[in-house]
Amino acid sequence: MSQPSTTSDAVMMLCPNLKCRKLLRVPVACRGKQVKCQFCELTFRVPEPKQSSTEPPQV
């Protein structure tokens, strides 16, 4: 699954409802919170940004 694309003030993502799949523009402030799709009214959680690890993996 690809990570949602971001702009400075919003996250662009697809509605997770397989019957809807509309492109949604969700405010960055909503990351980690529950939101409702304005088209199908499904409530879902906006994913947190992935934490990139700066330390090398342990072998």
C-alpha atoms as a PDB file:
ATOM      1  CA  MET A   1       0.000   0.000   0.000  1.00  0.00           C
ATOM      2  CA  SER A   2       1.418   3.382  -0.896  1.00  0.00           C
ATOM      3  CA  GLN A   3       1.737   6.194   1.581  1.00  0.00           C
ATOM      4  CA  PRO A   4      -0.723   9.071   1.057  1.00  0.00           C
ATOM      5  CA  SER A   5       0.741  12.061  -0.747  1.00  0.00           C
ATOM      6  CA  THR A   6       0.958  15.274   1.256  1.00  0.00           C
ATOM      7  CA  THR A   7       0.830  18.980   0.648  1.00  0.00           C
ATOM      8  CA  SER A   8       1.709  21.614   3.223  1.00  0.00           C
ATOM      9  CA  ASP A   9      -1.786  21.691   4.737  1.00  0.00           C
ATOM     10  CA  ALA A  10      -3.518  18.487   3.587  1.00  0.00           C
ATOM     11  CA  VAL A  11      -3.120  14.759   2.970  1.00  0.00           C
ATOM     12  CA  MET A  12      -4.513  13.385  -0.296  1.00  0.00           C
ATOM     13  CA  MET A  13      -5.821   9.847   0.123  1.00  0.00           C
ATOM     14  CA  LEU A  14      -8.426   7.445  -1.184  1.00  0.00           C
ATOM     15  CA  CYS A  15     -11.508   6.575   0.823  1.00  0.00           C
ATOM     16  CA  PRO A  16     -10.923   3.043   2.194  1.00  0.00           C
ATOM     17  CA  ASN A  17     -14.498   2.019   1.294  1.00  0.00           C
ATOM     18  CA  LEU A  18     -14.117  -0.233  -1.763  1.00  0.00           C
ATOM     19  CA  LYS A  19     -17.479   0.935  -3.131  1.00  0.00           C
ATOM     20  CA  CYS A  20     -16.497   4.623  -2.837  1.00  0.00           C
ATOM     21  CA  ARG A  21     -12.720   5.060  -3.416  1.00  0.00           C
ATOM     22  CA  LYS A  22     -13.081   8.846  -3.835  1.00  0.00           C
ATOM     23  CA  LEU A  23     -10.004  11.037  -3.552  1.00  0.00           C
ATOM     24  CA  LEU A  24     -10.159  12.912  -0.238  1.00  0.00           C
ATOM     25  CA  ARG A  25      -8.202  15.972   0.896  1.00  0.00           C
ATOM     26  CA  VAL A  26      -7.787  15.596   4.652  1.00  0.00           C
ATOM     27  CA  PRO A  27      -6.171  18.302   6.831  1.00  0.00           C
ATOM     28  CA  VAL A  28      -2.752  17.331   8.217  1.00  0.00           C
ATOM     29  CA  ALA A  29      -4.081  18.115  11.699  1.00  0.00           C
ATOM     30  CA  CYS A  30      -6.404  15.092  11.352  1.00  0.00           C
ATOM     31  CA  ARG A  31      -3.546  12.558  11.148  1.00  0.00           C
ATOM     32  CA  GLY A  32      -4.194   9.779  13.671  1.00  0.00           C
ATOM     33  CA  LYS A  33      -7.810  10.890  14.138  1.00  0.00           C
ATOM     34  CA  GLN A  34     -11.142   9.544  12.929  1.00  0.00           C
ATOM     35  CA  VAL A  35     -12.708  11.339   9.962  1.00  0.00           C
ATOM     36  CA  LYS A  36     -15.814  10.753   7.844  1.00  0.00           C
ATOM     37  CA  CYS A  37     -15.823  10.505   4.044  1.00  0.00           C
ATOM     38  CA  GLN A  38     -18.024  13.288   2.690  1.00  0.00           C
ATOM     39  CA  PHE A  39     -19.279  11.025  -0.122  1.00  0.00           C
ATOM     40  CA  CYS A  40     -20.128   7.665   1.521  1.00  0.00           C
ATOM     41  CA  GLU A  41     -20.003   8.748   5.206  1.00  0.00           C
ATOM     42  CA  LEU A  42     -17.647   5.923   6.214  1.00  0.00           C
ATOM     43  CA  THR A  43     -15.706   6.762   9.386  1.00  0.00           C
ATOM     44  CA  PHE A  44     -12.019   5.803   9.300  1.00  0.00           C
ATOM     45  CA  ARG A  45      -8.702   6.730  10.912  1.00  0.00           C
ATOM     46  CA  VAL A  46      -6.231   8.875   8.940  1.00  0.00           C
ATOM     47  CA  PRO A  47      -2.808   7.187   9.112  1.00  0.00           C
ATOM     48  CA  GLU A  48       0.081   8.775  10.972  1.00  0.00           C
ATOM     49  CA  PRO A  49       3.117   9.716   8.871  1.00  0.00           C
ATOM     50  CA  LYS A  50       5.690   6.933   8.667  1.00  0.00           C
ATOM     51  CA  GLN A  51       8.611   7.407  11.028  1.00  0.00           C
ATOM     52  CA  SER A  52      11.842   7.100   9.072  1.00  0.00           C
ATOM     53  CA  SER A  53      14.569   5.501  11.123  1.00  0.00           C
ATOM     54  CA  THR A  54      17.856   7.409  11.038  1.00  0.00           C
ATOM     55  CA  GLU A  55      19.883   4.669  12.719  1.00  0.00           C
ATOM     56  CA  PRO A  56      21.094   1.668  10.684  1.00  0.00           C
ATOM     57  CA  PRO A  57      19.369  -1.696  11.242  1.00  0.00           C
ATOM     58  CA  GLN A  58      20.942  -4.037  13.787  1.00  0.00           C
ATOM     59  CA  VAL A  59      22.580  -7.148  12.285  1.00  0.00           C
END
